[in-house]
Amino acid sequence: MIGKIYSSITPFYDSKKCINSFKRRPVLITGGPRNNDYTILPVSTITRKENIDPDFDVKVEPEQYPNINLDRISYIRTHKQTIVHQSSLSKEIGDLKTEYEELYLLVLEKLEEFNKRMMDDAF
């Protein structure tokens, strides 16, 4: 499953209702399973462009990457990795690792860079 994009139920903060809620969204699986959990990166459309992180959001255009079945311009958010239980994952949307290895490796490089910065800051 590593390197594949799945549909998943993930938590988010609903600023209109001021509560934590859940929604179905695409996610890129980057690790697991470990204790029935997978490490994932959210794949978001990011409607407010000022929220795009120029260093760590990787743009995915459907026309350029049709085999991963995203219908709108989306961003793989390498600075927002999280864990989901395997029961939160439903259907496979596409295989980024196999279909678009260059993009997949770019995502992993960005993820590694973010984690390195985070560890450097922690020390």
PDB file of N, CA and C in Angstrom:
ATOM      1  N   MET A   1       0.806  -1.207   0.000  1.00  0.00           N
ATOM      2  CA  MET A   1       0.000   0.000   0.000  1.00  0.00           C
ATOM      3  C   MET A   1       0.851   1.275   0.000  1.00  0.00           C
ATOM      4  N   ILE A   2       2.104   1.144   0.398  1.00  0.00           N
ATOM      5  CA  ILE A   2       2.969   2.327   0.442  1.00  0.00           C
ATOM      6  C   ILE A   2       3.120   2.898  -0.961  1.00  0.00           C
ATOM      7  N   GLY A   3       2.947   4.207  -1.060  1.00  0.00           N
ATOM      8  CA  GLY A   3       3.049   4.889  -2.340  1.00  0.00           C
ATOM      9  C   GLY A   3       1.726   5.011  -3.072  1.00  0.00           C
ATOM     10  N   LYS A   4       0.674   4.460  -2.488  1.00  0.00           N
ATOM     11  CA  LYS A   4      -0.638   4.522  -3.130  1.00  0.00           C
ATOM     12  C   LYS A   4      -1.499   5.601  -2.483  1.00  0.00           C
ATOM     13  N   ILE A   5      -2.411   6.131  -3.275  1.00  0.00           N
ATOM     14  CA  ILE A   5      -3.367   7.117  -2.776  1.00  0.00           C
ATOM     15  C   ILE A   5      -4.678   6.388  -2.522  1.00  0.00           C
ATOM     16  N   TYR A   6      -5.181   6.566  -1.315  1.00  0.00           N
ATOM     17  CA  TYR A   6      -6.440   5.946  -0.895  1.00  0.00           C
ATOM     18  C   TYR A   6      -7.417   7.022  -0.456  1.00  0.00           C
ATOM     19  N   SER A   7      -8.665   6.684  -0.466  1.00  0.00           N
ATOM     20  CA  SER A   7      -9.681   7.515   0.145  1.00  0.00           C
ATOM     21  C   SER A   7      -9.699   7.154   1.632  1.00  0.00           C
ATOM     22  N   SER A   8      -9.736   8.169   2.499  1.00  0.00           N
ATOM     23  CA  SER A   8      -9.668   7.928   3.929  1.00  0.00           C
ATOM     24  C   SER A   8     -10.534   8.925   4.690  1.00  0.00           C
ATOM     25  N   ILE A   9     -11.005   8.506   5.830  1.00  0.00           N
ATOM     26  CA  ILE A   9     -11.688   9.422   6.743  1.00  0.00           C
ATOM     27  C   ILE A   9     -10.625  10.018   7.647  1.00  0.00           C
ATOM     28  N   THR A  10     -10.536  11.358   7.651  1.00  0.00           N
ATOM     29  CA  THR A  10      -9.520  12.041   8.453  1.00  0.00           C
ATOM     30  C   THR A  10     -10.156  13.166   9.269  1.00  0.00           C
ATOM     31  N   PRO A  11      -9.553  13.469  10.417  1.00  0.00           N
ATOM     32  CA  PRO A  11     -10.078  14.567  11.232  1.00  0.00           C
ATOM     33  C   PRO A  11      -9.673  15.923  10.662  1.00  0.00           C
ATOM     34  N   PHE A  12     -10.476  16.941  10.945  1.00  0.00           N
ATOM     35  CA  PHE A  12     -10.138  18.317  10.585  1.00  0.00           C
ATOM     36  C   PHE A  12     -10.886  19.251  11.522  1.00  0.00           C
ATOM     37  N   TYR A  13     -10.403  20.481  11.605  1.00  0.00           N
ATOM     38  CA  TYR A  13     -11.084  21.488  12.420  1.00  0.00           C
ATOM     39  C   TYR A  13     -12.039  22.266  11.538  1.00  0.00           C
ATOM     40  N   ASP A  14     -13.313  22.233  11.860  1.00  0.00           N
ATOM     41  CA  ASP A  14     -14.341  22.956  11.118  1.00  0.00           C
ATOM     42  C   ASP A  14     -14.449  24.356  11.716  1.00  0.00           C
ATOM     43  N   SER A  15     -13.847  25.327  11.052  1.00  0.00           N
ATOM     44  CA  SER A  15     -13.806  26.695  11.586  1.00  0.00           C
ATOM     45  C   SER A  15     -15.183  27.364  11.574  1.00  0.00           C
ATOM     46  N   LYS A  16     -16.081  26.914  10.710  1.00  0.00           N
ATOM     47  CA  LYS A  16     -17.432  27.494  10.691  1.00  0.00           C
ATOM     48  C   LYS A  16     -18.236  27.059  11.909  1.00  0.00           C
ATOM     49  N   LYS A  17     -18.072  25.803  12.310  1.00  0.00           N
ATOM     50  CA  LYS A  17     -18.803  25.273  13.465  1.00  0.00           C
ATOM     51  C   LYS A  17     -17.979  25.312  14.753  1.00  0.00           C
ATOM     52  N   CYS A  18     -16.679  25.630  14.612  1.00  0.00           N
ATOM     53  CA  CYS A  18     -15.745  25.665  15.754  1.00  0.00           C
ATOM     54  C   CYS A  18     -15.691  24.327  16.491  1.00  0.00           C
ATOM     55  N   ILE A  19     -15.625  23.241  15.713  1.00  0.00           N
ATOM     56  CA  ILE A  19     -15.511  21.912  16.302  1.00  0.00           C
ATOM     57  C   ILE A  19     -14.578  21.054  15.453  1.00  0.00           C
ATOM     58  N   ASN A  20     -14.052  19.994  16.067  1.00  0.00           N
ATOM     59  CA  ASN A  20     -13.322  18.990  15.299  1.00  0.00           C
ATOM     60  C   ASN A  20     -14.341  18.091  14.626  1.00  0.00           C
ATOM     61  N   SER A  21     -14.071  17.750  13.369  1.00  0.00           N
ATOM     62  CA  SER A  21     -14.990  16.921  12.617  1.00  0.00           C
ATOM     63  C   SER A  21     -14.191  15.958  11.743  1.00  0.00           C
ATOM     64  N   PHE A  22     -14.874  15.226  10.884  1.00  0.00           N
ATOM     65  CA  PHE A  22     -14.224  14.258  10.005  1.00  0.00           C
ATOM     66  C   PHE A  22     -14.724  14.446   8.580  1.00  0.00           C
ATOM     67  N   LYS A  23     -13.832  14.134   7.625  1.00  0.00           N
ATOM     68  CA  LYS A  23     -14.246  14.150   6.225  1.00  0.00           C
ATOM     69  C   LYS A  23     -13.469  13.091   5.463  1.00  0.00           C
ATOM     70  N   ARG A  24     -14.029  12.709   4.320  1.00  0.00           N
ATOM     71  CA  ARG A  24     -13.341  11.763   3.447  1.00  0.00           C
ATOM     72  C   ARG A  24     -12.461  12.566   2.500  1.00  0.00           C
ATOM     73  N   ARG A  25     -11.210  12.141   2.398  1.00  0.00           N
ATOM     74  CA  ARG A  25     -10.271  12.840   1.526  1.00  0.00           C
ATOM     75  C   ARG A  25      -9.230  11.859   1.020  1.00  0.00           C
ATOM     76  N   PRO A  26      -8.563  12.197  -0.086  1.00  0.00           N
ATOM     77  CA  PRO A  26      -7.466  11.349  -0.547  1.00  0.00           C
ATOM     78  C   PRO A  26      -6.242  11.528   0.350  1.00  0.00           C
ATOM     79  N   VAL A  27      -5.519  10.440   0.540  1.00  0.00           N
ATOM     80  CA  VAL A  27      -4.283  10.474   1.328  1.00  0.00           C
ATOM     81  C   VAL A  27      -3.247   9.605   0.627  1.00  0.00           C
ATOM     82  N   LEU A  28      -1.987   9.993   0.768  1.00  0.00           N
ATOM     83  CA  LEU A  28      -0.877   9.202   0.250  1.00  0.00           C
ATOM     84  C   LEU A  28      -0.295   8.400   1.405  1.00  0.00           C
ATOM     85  N   ILE A  29      -0.247   7.099   1.250  1.00  0.00           N
ATOM     86  CA  ILE A  29       0.298   6.246   2.302  1.00  0.00           C
ATOM     87  C   ILE A  29       1.818   6.227   2.178  1.00  0.00           C
ATOM     88  N   THR A  30       2.497   6.575   3.275  1.00  0.00           N
ATOM     89  CA  THR A  30       3.964   6.611   3.276  1.00  0.00           C
ATOM     90  C   THR A  30       4.591   5.605   4.221  1.00  0.00           C
ATOM     91  N   GLY A  31       3.794   4.950   5.051  1.00  0.00           N
ATOM     92  CA  GLY A  31       4.350   3.954   5.964  1.00  0.00           C
ATOM     93  C   GLY A  31       3.284   3.062   6.545  1.00  0.00           C
ATOM     94  N   GLY A  32       3.725   1.873   6.997  1.00  0.00           N
ATOM     95  CA  GLY A  32       2.829   0.957   7.681  1.00  0.00           C
ATOM     96  C   GLY A  32       2.593  -0.284   6.866  1.00  0.00           C
ATOM     97  N   PRO A  33       1.786  -1.153   7.392  1.00  0.00           N
ATOM     98  CA  PRO A  33       1.060  -0.996   8.651  1.00  0.00           C
ATOM     99  C   PRO A  33       1.941  -1.297   9.857  1.00  0.00           C
ATOM    100  N   ARG A  34       1.663  -0.607  10.916  1.00  0.00           N
ATOM    101  CA  ARG A  34       2.286  -0.845  12.215  1.00  0.00           C
ATOM    102  C   ARG A  34       1.174  -0.746  13.242  1.00  0.00           C
ATOM    103  N   ASN A  35       0.907  -1.843  13.929  1.00  0.00           N
ATOM    104  CA  ASN A  35      -0.198  -1.906  14.889  1.00  0.00           C
ATOM    105  C   ASN A  35      -1.516  -1.461  14.260  1.00  0.00           C
ATOM    106  N   ASN A  36      -1.740  -1.876  13.026  1.00  0.00           N
ATOM    107  CA  ASN A  36      -2.959  -1.573  12.266  1.00  0.00           C
ATOM    108  C   ASN A  36      -3.089  -0.111  11.864  1.00  0.00           C
ATOM    109  N   ASP A  37      -2.017   0.655  11.971  1.00  0.00           N
ATOM    110  CA  ASP A  37      -2.020   2.072  11.597  1.00  0.00           C
ATOM    111  C   ASP A  37      -1.109   2.302  10.395  1.00  0.00           C
ATOM    112  N   TYR A  38      -1.488   3.302   9.595  1.00  0.00           N
ATOM    113  CA  TYR A  38      -0.675   3.725   8.457  1.00  0.00           C
ATOM    114  C   TYR A  38      -0.289   5.187   8.628  1.00  0.00           C
ATOM    115  N   THR A  39       0.928   5.521   8.226  1.00  0.00           N
ATOM    116  CA  THR A  39       1.359   6.912   8.178  1.00  0.00           C
ATOM    117  C   THR A  39       0.951   7.456   6.820  1.00  0.00           C
ATOM    118  N   ILE A  40       0.311   8.629   6.838  1.00  0.00           N
ATOM    119  CA  ILE A  40      -0.224   9.180   5.587  1.00  0.00           C
ATOM    120  C   ILE A  40       0.110  10.669   5.461  1.00  0.00           C
ATOM    121  N   LEU A  41       0.019  11.143   4.238  1.00  0.00           N
ATOM    122  CA  LEU A  41       0.080  12.572   3.933  1.00  0.00           C
ATOM    123  C   LEU A  41      -1.247  12.950   3.308  1.00  0.00           C
ATOM    124  N   PRO A  42      -1.897  14.007   3.796  1.00  0.00           N
ATOM    125  CA  PRO A  42      -3.156  14.419   3.175  1.00  0.00           C
ATOM    126  C   PRO A  42      -2.936  14.975   1.772  1.00  0.00           C
ATOM    127  N   VAL A  43      -3.920  14.777   0.931  1.00  0.00           N
ATOM    128  CA  VAL A  43      -3.934  15.337  -0.419  1.00  0.00           C
ATOM    129  C   VAL A  43      -5.119  16.295  -0.438  1.00  0.00           C
ATOM    130  N   SER A  44      -4.828  17.603  -0.537  1.00  0.00           N
ATOM    131  CA  SER A  44      -5.861  18.628  -0.370  1.00  0.00           C
ATOM    132  C   SER A  44      -5.950  19.539  -1.582  1.00  0.00           C
ATOM    133  N   THR A  45      -7.143  20.112  -1.786  1.00  0.00           N
ATOM    134  CA  THR A  45      -7.312  21.073  -2.874  1.00  0.00           C
ATOM    135  C   THR A  45      -6.861  22.478  -2.460  1.00  0.00           C
ATOM    136  N   ILE A  46      -6.853  22.799  -1.207  1.00  0.00           N
ATOM    137  CA  ILE A  46      -6.418  24.099  -0.649  1.00  0.00           C
ATOM    138  C   ILE A  46      -7.096  25.254  -1.377  1.00  0.00           C
ATOM    139  N   THR A  47      -8.308  25.547  -0.985  1.00  0.00           N
ATOM    140  CA  THR A  47      -9.080  26.594  -1.647  1.00  0.00           C
ATOM    141  C   THR A  47      -8.527  27.990  -1.375  1.00  0.00           C
ATOM    142  N   ARG A  48      -7.964  28.205  -0.207  1.00  0.00           N
ATOM    143  CA  ARG A  48      -7.358  29.509   0.102  1.00  0.00           C
ATOM    144  C   ARG A  48      -5.870  29.438  -0.224  1.00  0.00           C
ATOM    145  N   LYS A  49      -5.504  30.039  -1.337  1.00  0.00           N
ATOM    146  CA  LYS A  49      -4.148  29.909  -1.870  1.00  0.00           C
ATOM    147  C   LYS A  49      -3.071  30.455  -0.929  1.00  0.00           C
ATOM    148  N   GLU A  50      -3.430  31.356  -0.030  1.00  0.00           N
ATOM    149  CA  GLU A  50      -2.447  31.857   0.934  1.00  0.00           C
ATOM    150  C   GLU A  50      -2.027  30.771   1.927  1.00  0.00           C
ATOM    151  N   ASN A  51      -2.761  29.667   1.961  1.00  0.00           N
ATOM    152  CA  ASN A  51      -2.420  28.558   2.854  1.00  0.00           C
ATOM    153  C   ASN A  51      -1.483  27.535   2.212  1.00  0.00           C
ATOM    154  N   ILE A  52      -1.114  27.741   0.967  1.00  0.00           N
ATOM    155  CA  ILE A  52      -0.168  26.843   0.304  1.00  0.00           C
ATOM    156  C   ILE A  52       1.220  27.108   0.858  1.00  0.00           C
ATOM    157  N   ASP A  53       1.885  26.049   1.294  1.00  0.00           N
ATOM    158  CA  ASP A  53       3.260  26.155   1.787  1.00  0.00           C
ATOM    159  C   ASP A  53       4.191  25.956   0.589  1.00  0.00           C
ATOM    160  N   PRO A  54       4.912  27.008   0.181  1.00  0.00           N
ATOM    161  CA  PRO A  54       5.741  26.900  -1.020  1.00  0.00           C
ATOM    162  C   PRO A  54       6.892  25.901  -0.876  1.00  0.00           C
ATOM    163  N   ASP A  55       7.281  25.593   0.354  1.00  0.00           N
ATOM    164  CA  ASP A  55       8.381  24.651   0.569  1.00  0.00           C
ATOM    165  C   ASP A  55       7.916  23.202   0.625  1.00  0.00           C
ATOM    166  N   PHE A  56       6.727  22.962   1.157  1.00  0.00           N
ATOM    167  CA  PHE A  56       6.358  21.584   1.470  1.00  0.00           C
ATOM    168  C   PHE A  56       5.051  21.082   0.859  1.00  0.00           C
ATOM    169  N   ASP A  57       4.270  21.909   0.199  1.00  0.00           N
ATOM    170  CA  ASP A  57       3.089  21.428  -0.518  1.00  0.00           C
ATOM    171  C   ASP A  57       3.495  21.106  -1.951  1.00  0.00           C
ATOM    172  N   VAL A  58       3.259  19.871  -2.370  1.00  0.00           N
ATOM    173  CA  VAL A  58       3.633  19.424  -3.712  1.00  0.00           C
ATOM    174  C   VAL A  58       2.379  19.425  -4.590  1.00  0.00           C
ATOM    175  N   LYS A  59       2.416  20.249  -5.624  1.00  0.00           N
ATOM    176  CA  LYS A  59       1.267  20.422  -6.517  1.00  0.00           C
ATOM    177  C   LYS A  59       1.091  19.213  -7.437  1.00  0.00           C
ATOM    178  N   VAL A  60      -0.163  18.780  -7.565  1.00  0.00           N
ATOM    179  CA  VAL A  60      -0.506  17.660  -8.444  1.00  0.00           C
ATOM    180  C   VAL A  60      -1.635  18.120  -9.361  1.00  0.00           C
ATOM    181  N   GLU A  61      -1.327  18.237 -10.657  1.00  0.00           N
ATOM    182  CA  GLU A  61      -2.329  18.654 -11.636  1.00  0.00           C
ATOM    183  C   GLU A  61      -2.896  17.421 -12.334  1.00  0.00           C
ATOM    184  N   PRO A  62      -4.231  17.289 -12.356  1.00  0.00           N
ATOM    185  CA  PRO A  62      -4.855  16.096 -12.950  1.00  0.00           C
ATOM    186  C   PRO A  62      -4.451  15.838 -14.401  1.00  0.00           C
ATOM    187  N   GLU A  63      -4.251  16.893 -15.173  1.00  0.00           N
ATOM    188  CA  GLU A  63      -3.878  16.723 -16.579  1.00  0.00           C
ATOM    189  C   GLU A  63      -2.484  16.123 -16.709  1.00  0.00           C
ATOM    190  N   GLN A  64      -1.609  16.458 -15.779  1.00  0.00           N
ATOM    191  CA  GLN A  64      -0.229  15.990 -15.821  1.00  0.00           C
ATOM    192  C   GLN A  64      -0.090  14.574 -15.238  1.00  0.00           C
ATOM    193  N   TYR A  65      -0.989  14.236 -14.311  1.00  0.00           N
ATOM    194  CA  TYR A  65      -0.929  12.933 -13.624  1.00  0.00           C
ATOM    195  C   TYR A  65      -2.308  12.256 -13.643  1.00  0.00           C
ATOM    196  N   PRO A  66      -2.818  11.920 -14.824  1.00  0.00           N
ATOM    197  CA  PRO A  66      -4.191  11.407 -14.923  1.00  0.00           C
ATOM    198  C   PRO A  66      -4.414  10.045 -14.259  1.00  0.00           C
ATOM    199  N   ASN A  67      -3.385   9.230 -14.131  1.00  0.00           N
ATOM    200  CA  ASN A  67      -3.567   7.875 -13.618  1.00  0.00           C
ATOM    201  C   ASN A  67      -3.729   7.795 -12.100  1.00  0.00           C
ATOM    202  N   ILE A  68      -3.637   8.933 -11.403  1.00  0.00           N
ATOM    203  CA  ILE A  68      -3.898   8.875  -9.962  1.00  0.00           C
ATOM    204  C   ILE A  68      -5.294   9.389  -9.637  1.00  0.00           C
ATOM    205  N   ASN A  69      -6.063   9.679 -10.679  1.00  0.00           N
ATOM    206  CA  ASN A  69      -7.513   9.880 -10.574  1.00  0.00           C
ATOM    207  C   ASN A  69      -7.957  11.003  -9.630  1.00  0.00           C
ATOM    208  N   LEU A  70      -7.242  12.103  -9.605  1.00  0.00           N
ATOM    209  CA  LEU A  70      -7.693  13.284  -8.879  1.00  0.00           C
ATOM    210  C   LEU A  70      -8.387  14.188  -9.887  1.00  0.00           C
ATOM    211  N   ASP A  71      -9.529  14.751  -9.531  1.00  0.00           N
ATOM    212  CA  ASP A  71     -10.280  15.535 -10.513  1.00  0.00           C
ATOM    213  C   ASP A  71     -10.029  17.032 -10.435  1.00  0.00           C
ATOM    214  N   ARG A  72      -9.252  17.474  -9.424  1.00  0.00           N
ATOM    215  CA  ARG A  72      -8.917  18.903  -9.300  1.00  0.00           C
ATOM    216  C   ARG A  72      -7.452  19.055  -8.926  1.00  0.00           C
ATOM    217  N   ILE A  73      -6.916  20.235  -9.177  1.00  0.00           N
ATOM    218  CA  ILE A  73      -5.552  20.500  -8.734  1.00  0.00           C
ATOM    219  C   ILE A  73      -5.506  20.303  -7.227  1.00  0.00           C
ATOM    220  N   SER A  74      -4.542  19.506  -6.795  1.00  0.00           N
ATOM    221  CA  SER A  74      -4.410  19.166  -5.387  1.00  0.00           C
ATOM    222  C   SER A  74      -2.967  19.323  -4.963  1.00  0.00           C
ATOM    223  N   TYR A  75      -2.759  19.237  -3.662  1.00  0.00           N
ATOM    224  CA  TYR A  75      -1.423  19.380  -3.086  1.00  0.00           C
ATOM    225  C   TYR A  75      -1.190  18.260  -2.090  1.00  0.00           C
ATOM    226  N   ILE A  76      -0.054  17.587  -2.233  1.00  0.00           N
ATOM    227  CA  ILE A  76       0.340  16.599  -1.236  1.00  0.00           C
ATOM    228  C   ILE A  76       1.070  17.374  -0.149  1.00  0.00           C
ATOM    229  N   ARG A  77       0.541  17.333   1.062  1.00  0.00           N
ATOM    230  CA  ARG A  77       0.986  18.185   2.160  1.00  0.00           C
ATOM    231  C   ARG A  77       2.030  17.456   2.996  1.00  0.00           C
ATOM    232  N   THR A  78       3.301  17.576   2.572  1.00  0.00           N
ATOM    233  CA  THR A  78       4.377  16.801   3.186  1.00  0.00           C
ATOM    234  C   THR A  78       4.692  17.240   4.614  1.00  0.00           C
ATOM    235  N   HIS A  79       4.220  18.388   5.025  1.00  0.00           N
ATOM    236  CA  HIS A  79       4.450  18.876   6.383  1.00  0.00           C
ATOM    237  C   HIS A  79       3.274  18.588   7.301  1.00  0.00           C
ATOM    238  N   LYS A  80       2.353  17.736   6.872  1.00  0.00           N
ATOM    239  CA  LYS A  80       1.156  17.446   7.661  1.00  0.00           C
ATOM    240  C   LYS A  80       0.952  15.940   7.818  1.00  0.00           C
ATOM    241  N   GLN A  81       2.050  15.197   7.974  1.00  0.00           N
ATOM    242  CA  GLN A  81       1.886  13.743   8.088  1.00  0.00           C
ATOM    243  C   GLN A  81       1.147  13.395   9.372  1.00  0.00           C
ATOM    244  N   THR A  82       0.378  12.328   9.276  1.00  0.00           N
ATOM    245  CA  THR A  82      -0.419  11.875  10.413  1.00  0.00           C
ATOM    246  C   THR A  82      -0.613  10.371  10.310  1.00  0.00           C
ATOM    247  N   ILE A  83      -1.337   9.825  11.270  1.00  0.00           N
ATOM    248  CA  ILE A  83      -1.584   8.392  11.345  1.00  0.00           C
ATOM    249  C   ILE A  83      -3.089   8.149  11.205  1.00  0.00           C
ATOM    250  N   VAL A  84      -3.456   7.122  10.455  1.00  0.00           N
ATOM    251  CA  VAL A  84      -4.856   6.689  10.408  1.00  0.00           C
ATOM    252  C   VAL A  84      -4.904   5.185  10.635  1.00  0.00           C
ATOM    253  N   HIS A  85      -5.956   4.733  11.267  1.00  0.00           N
ATOM    254  CA  HIS A  85      -6.179   3.308  11.457  1.00  0.00           C
ATOM    255  C   HIS A  85      -6.586   2.706  10.119  1.00  0.00           C
ATOM    256  N   GLN A  86      -6.216   1.455   9.925  1.00  0.00           N
ATOM    257  CA  GLN A  86      -6.518   0.796   8.644  1.00  0.00           C
ATOM    258  C   GLN A  86      -8.003   0.811   8.310  1.00  0.00           C
ATOM    259  N   SER A  87      -8.864   0.847   9.322  1.00  0.00           N
ATOM    260  CA  SER A  87     -10.304   0.865   9.057  1.00  0.00           C
ATOM    261  C   SER A  87     -10.772   2.192   8.455  1.00  0.00           C
ATOM    262  N   SER A  88      -9.931   3.239   8.545  1.00  0.00           N
ATOM    263  CA  SER A  88     -10.271   4.538   7.953  1.00  0.00           C
ATOM    264  C   SER A  88     -10.019   4.578   6.451  1.00  0.00           C
ATOM    265  N   LEU A  89      -9.252   3.626   5.955  1.00  0.00           N
ATOM    266  CA  LEU A  89      -8.919   3.583   4.536  1.00  0.00           C
ATOM    267  C   LEU A  89      -9.983   2.796   3.791  1.00  0.00           C
ATOM    268  N   SER A  90     -10.467   3.353   2.677  1.00  0.00           N
ATOM    269  CA  SER A  90     -11.457   2.600   1.912  1.00  0.00           C
ATOM    270  C   SER A  90     -10.868   2.189   0.573  1.00  0.00           C
ATOM    271  N   LYS A  91     -11.179   2.879  -0.502  1.00  0.00           N
ATOM    272  CA  LYS A  91     -10.762   2.392  -1.816  1.00  0.00           C
ATOM    273  C   LYS A  91      -9.476   3.064  -2.303  1.00  0.00           C
ATOM    274  N   GLU A  92      -8.743   2.293  -3.093  1.00  0.00           N
ATOM    275  CA  GLU A  92      -7.532   2.819  -3.715  1.00  0.00           C
ATOM    276  C   GLU A  92      -7.937   3.764  -4.840  1.00  0.00           C
ATOM    277  N   ILE A  93      -7.278   4.934  -4.877  1.00  0.00           N
ATOM    278  CA  ILE A  93      -7.552   5.927  -5.918  1.00  0.00           C
ATOM    279  C   ILE A  93      -6.499   5.846  -7.024  1.00  0.00           C
ATOM    280  N   GLY A  94      -5.243   5.633  -6.639  1.00  0.00           N
ATOM    281  CA  GLY A  94      -4.173   5.560  -7.622  1.00  0.00           C
ATOM    282  C   GLY A  94      -2.873   5.127  -6.979  1.00  0.00           C
ATOM    283  N   ASP A  95      -1.899   4.803  -7.817  1.00  0.00           N
ATOM    284  CA  ASP A  95      -0.596   4.336  -7.349  1.00  0.00           C
ATOM    285  C   ASP A  95       0.472   5.326  -7.780  1.00  0.00           C
ATOM    286  N   LEU A  96       0.775   6.268  -6.907  1.00  0.00           N
ATOM    287  CA  LEU A  96       1.742   7.320  -7.226  1.00  0.00           C
ATOM    288  C   LEU A  96       3.138   6.731  -7.416  1.00  0.00           C
ATOM    289  N   LYS A  97       3.518   5.797  -6.562  1.00  0.00           N
ATOM    290  CA  LYS A  97       4.864   5.220  -6.592  1.00  0.00           C
ATOM    291  C   LYS A  97       5.158   4.531  -7.920  1.00  0.00           C
ATOM    292  N   THR A  98       4.198   3.777  -8.427  1.00  0.00           N
ATOM    293  CA  THR A  98       4.387   3.026  -9.667  1.00  0.00           C
ATOM    294  C   THR A  98       4.154   3.888 -10.904  1.00  0.00           C
ATOM    295  N   GLU A  99       3.083   4.673 -10.894  1.00  0.00           N
ATOM    296  CA  GLU A  99       2.697   5.447 -12.073  1.00  0.00           C
ATOM    297  C   GLU A  99       3.562   6.680 -12.312  1.00  0.00           C
ATOM    298  N   TYR A 100       3.969   7.344 -11.211  1.00  0.00           N
ATOM    299  CA  TYR A 100       4.710   8.610 -11.334  1.00  0.00           C
ATOM    300  C   TYR A 100       5.837   8.637 -10.301  1.00  0.00           C
ATOM    301  N   GLU A 101       6.823   7.791 -10.547  1.00  0.00           N
ATOM    302  CA  GLU A 101       7.916   7.611  -9.587  1.00  0.00           C
ATOM    303  C   GLU A 101       8.652   8.926  -9.291  1.00  0.00           C
ATOM    304  N   GLU A 102       8.845   9.759 -10.299  1.00  0.00           N
ATOM    305  CA  GLU A 102       9.563  11.021 -10.104  1.00  0.00           C
ATOM    306  C   GLU A 102       8.821  11.926  -9.120  1.00  0.00           C
ATOM    307  N   LEU A 103       7.517  12.028  -9.262  1.00  0.00           N
ATOM    308  CA  LEU A 103       6.707  12.827  -8.342  1.00  0.00           C
ATOM    309  C   LEU A 103       6.733  12.209  -6.946  1.00  0.00           C
ATOM    310  N   TYR A 104       6.630  10.893  -6.877  1.00  0.00           N
ATOM    311  CA  TYR A 104       6.672  10.195  -5.588  1.00  0.00           C
ATOM    312  C   TYR A 104       7.995  10.470  -4.869  1.00  0.00           C
ATOM    313  N   LEU A 105       9.107  10.405  -5.585  1.00  0.00           N
ATOM    314  CA  LEU A 105      10.411  10.673  -4.979  1.00  0.00           C
ATOM    315  C   LEU A 105      10.528  12.128  -4.527  1.00  0.00           C
ATOM    316  N   LEU A 106       9.951  13.054  -5.271  1.00  0.00           N
ATOM    317  CA  LEU A 106       9.933  14.459  -4.854  1.00  0.00           C
ATOM    318  C   LEU A 106       9.179  14.604  -3.533  1.00  0.00           C
ATOM    319  N   VAL A 107       8.042  13.938  -3.419  1.00  0.00           N
ATOM    320  CA  VAL A 107       7.258  13.977  -2.176  1.00  0.00           C
ATOM    321  C   VAL A 107       8.097  13.448  -1.015  1.00  0.00           C
ATOM    322  N   LEU A 108       8.785  12.328  -1.228  1.00  0.00           N
ATOM    323  CA  LEU A 108       9.613  11.761  -0.160  1.00  0.00           C
ATOM    324  C   LEU A 108      10.766  12.687   0.221  1.00  0.00           C
ATOM    325  N   GLU A 109      11.356  13.358  -0.766  1.00  0.00           N
ATOM    326  CA  GLU A 109      12.425  14.322  -0.475  1.00  0.00           C
ATOM    327  C   GLU A 109      11.908  15.477   0.383  1.00  0.00           C
ATOM    328  N   LYS A 110      10.735  15.994   0.034  1.00  0.00           N
ATOM    329  CA  LYS A 110      10.139  17.090   0.806  1.00  0.00           C
ATOM    330  C   LYS A 110       9.801  16.628   2.217  1.00  0.00           C
ATOM    331  N   LEU A 111       9.276  15.421   2.336  1.00  0.00           N
ATOM    332  CA  LEU A 111       8.945  14.859   3.643  1.00  0.00           C
ATOM    333  C   LEU A 111      10.209  14.713   4.491  1.00  0.00           C
ATOM    334  N   GLU A 112      11.261  14.195   3.897  1.00  0.00           N
ATOM    335  CA  GLU A 112      12.529  14.039   4.617  1.00  0.00           C
ATOM    336  C   GLU A 112      13.085  15.397   5.055  1.00  0.00           C
ATOM    337  N   GLU A 113      13.007  16.383   4.165  1.00  0.00           N
ATOM    338  CA  GLU A 113      13.495  17.721   4.503  1.00  0.00           C
ATOM    339  C   GLU A 113      12.698  18.323   5.659  1.00  0.00           C
ATOM    340  N   PHE A 114      11.382  18.183   5.627  1.00  0.00           N
ATOM    341  CA  PHE A 114      10.565  18.710   6.716  1.00  0.00           C
ATOM    342  C   PHE A 114      10.903  18.023   8.029  1.00  0.00           C
ATOM    343  N   ASN A 115      11.006  16.694   8.004  1.00  0.00           N
ATOM    344  CA  ASN A 115      11.319  15.963   9.229  1.00  0.00           C
ATOM    345  C   ASN A 115      12.707  16.307   9.758  1.00  0.00           C
ATOM    346  N   LYS A 116      13.657  16.535   8.868  1.00  0.00           N
ATOM    347  CA  LYS A 116      15.002  16.931   9.297  1.00  0.00           C
ATOM    348  C   LYS A 116      14.960  18.294   9.981  1.00  0.00           C
ATOM    349  N   ARG A 117      14.258  19.240   9.372  1.00  0.00           N
ATOM    350  CA  ARG A 117      14.130  20.570   9.990  1.00  0.00           C
ATOM    351  C   ARG A 117      13.465  20.484  11.356  1.00  0.00           C
ATOM    352  N   MET A 118      12.435  19.660  11.454  1.00  0.00           N
ATOM    353  CA  MET A 118      11.727  19.499  12.704  1.00  0.00           C
ATOM    354  C   MET A 118      12.665  18.916  13.776  1.00  0.00           C
ATOM    355  N   MET A 119      13.453  17.916  13.401  1.00  0.00           N
ATOM    356  CA  MET A 119      14.388  17.304  14.360  1.00  0.00           C
ATOM    357  C   MET A 119      15.489  18.296  14.739  1.00  0.00           C
ATOM    358  N   ASP A 120      15.998  19.045  13.770  1.00  0.00           N
ATOM    359  CA  ASP A 120      17.020  20.050  14.059  1.00  0.00           C
ATOM    360  C   ASP A 120      16.487  21.089  15.050  1.00  0.00           C
ATOM    361  N   ASP A 121      15.239  21.511  14.855  1.00  0.00           N
ATOM    362  CA  ASP A 121      14.632  22.473  15.770  1.00  0.00           C
ATOM    363  C   ASP A 121      14.440  21.887  17.165  1.00  0.00           C
ATOM    364  N   ALA A 122      14.165  20.578  17.224  1.00  0.00           N
ATOM    365  CA  ALA A 122      13.939  19.923  18.517  1.00  0.00           C
ATOM    366  C   ALA A 122      15.216  19.843  19.342  1.00  0.00           C
ATOM    367  N   PHE A 123      16.359  19.726  18.665  1.00  0.00           N
ATOM    368  CA  PHE A 123      17.635  19.666  19.383  1.00  0.00           C
ATOM    369  C   PHE A 123      18.097  21.069  19.675  1.00  0.00           C
TER     370      PHE A 123
END
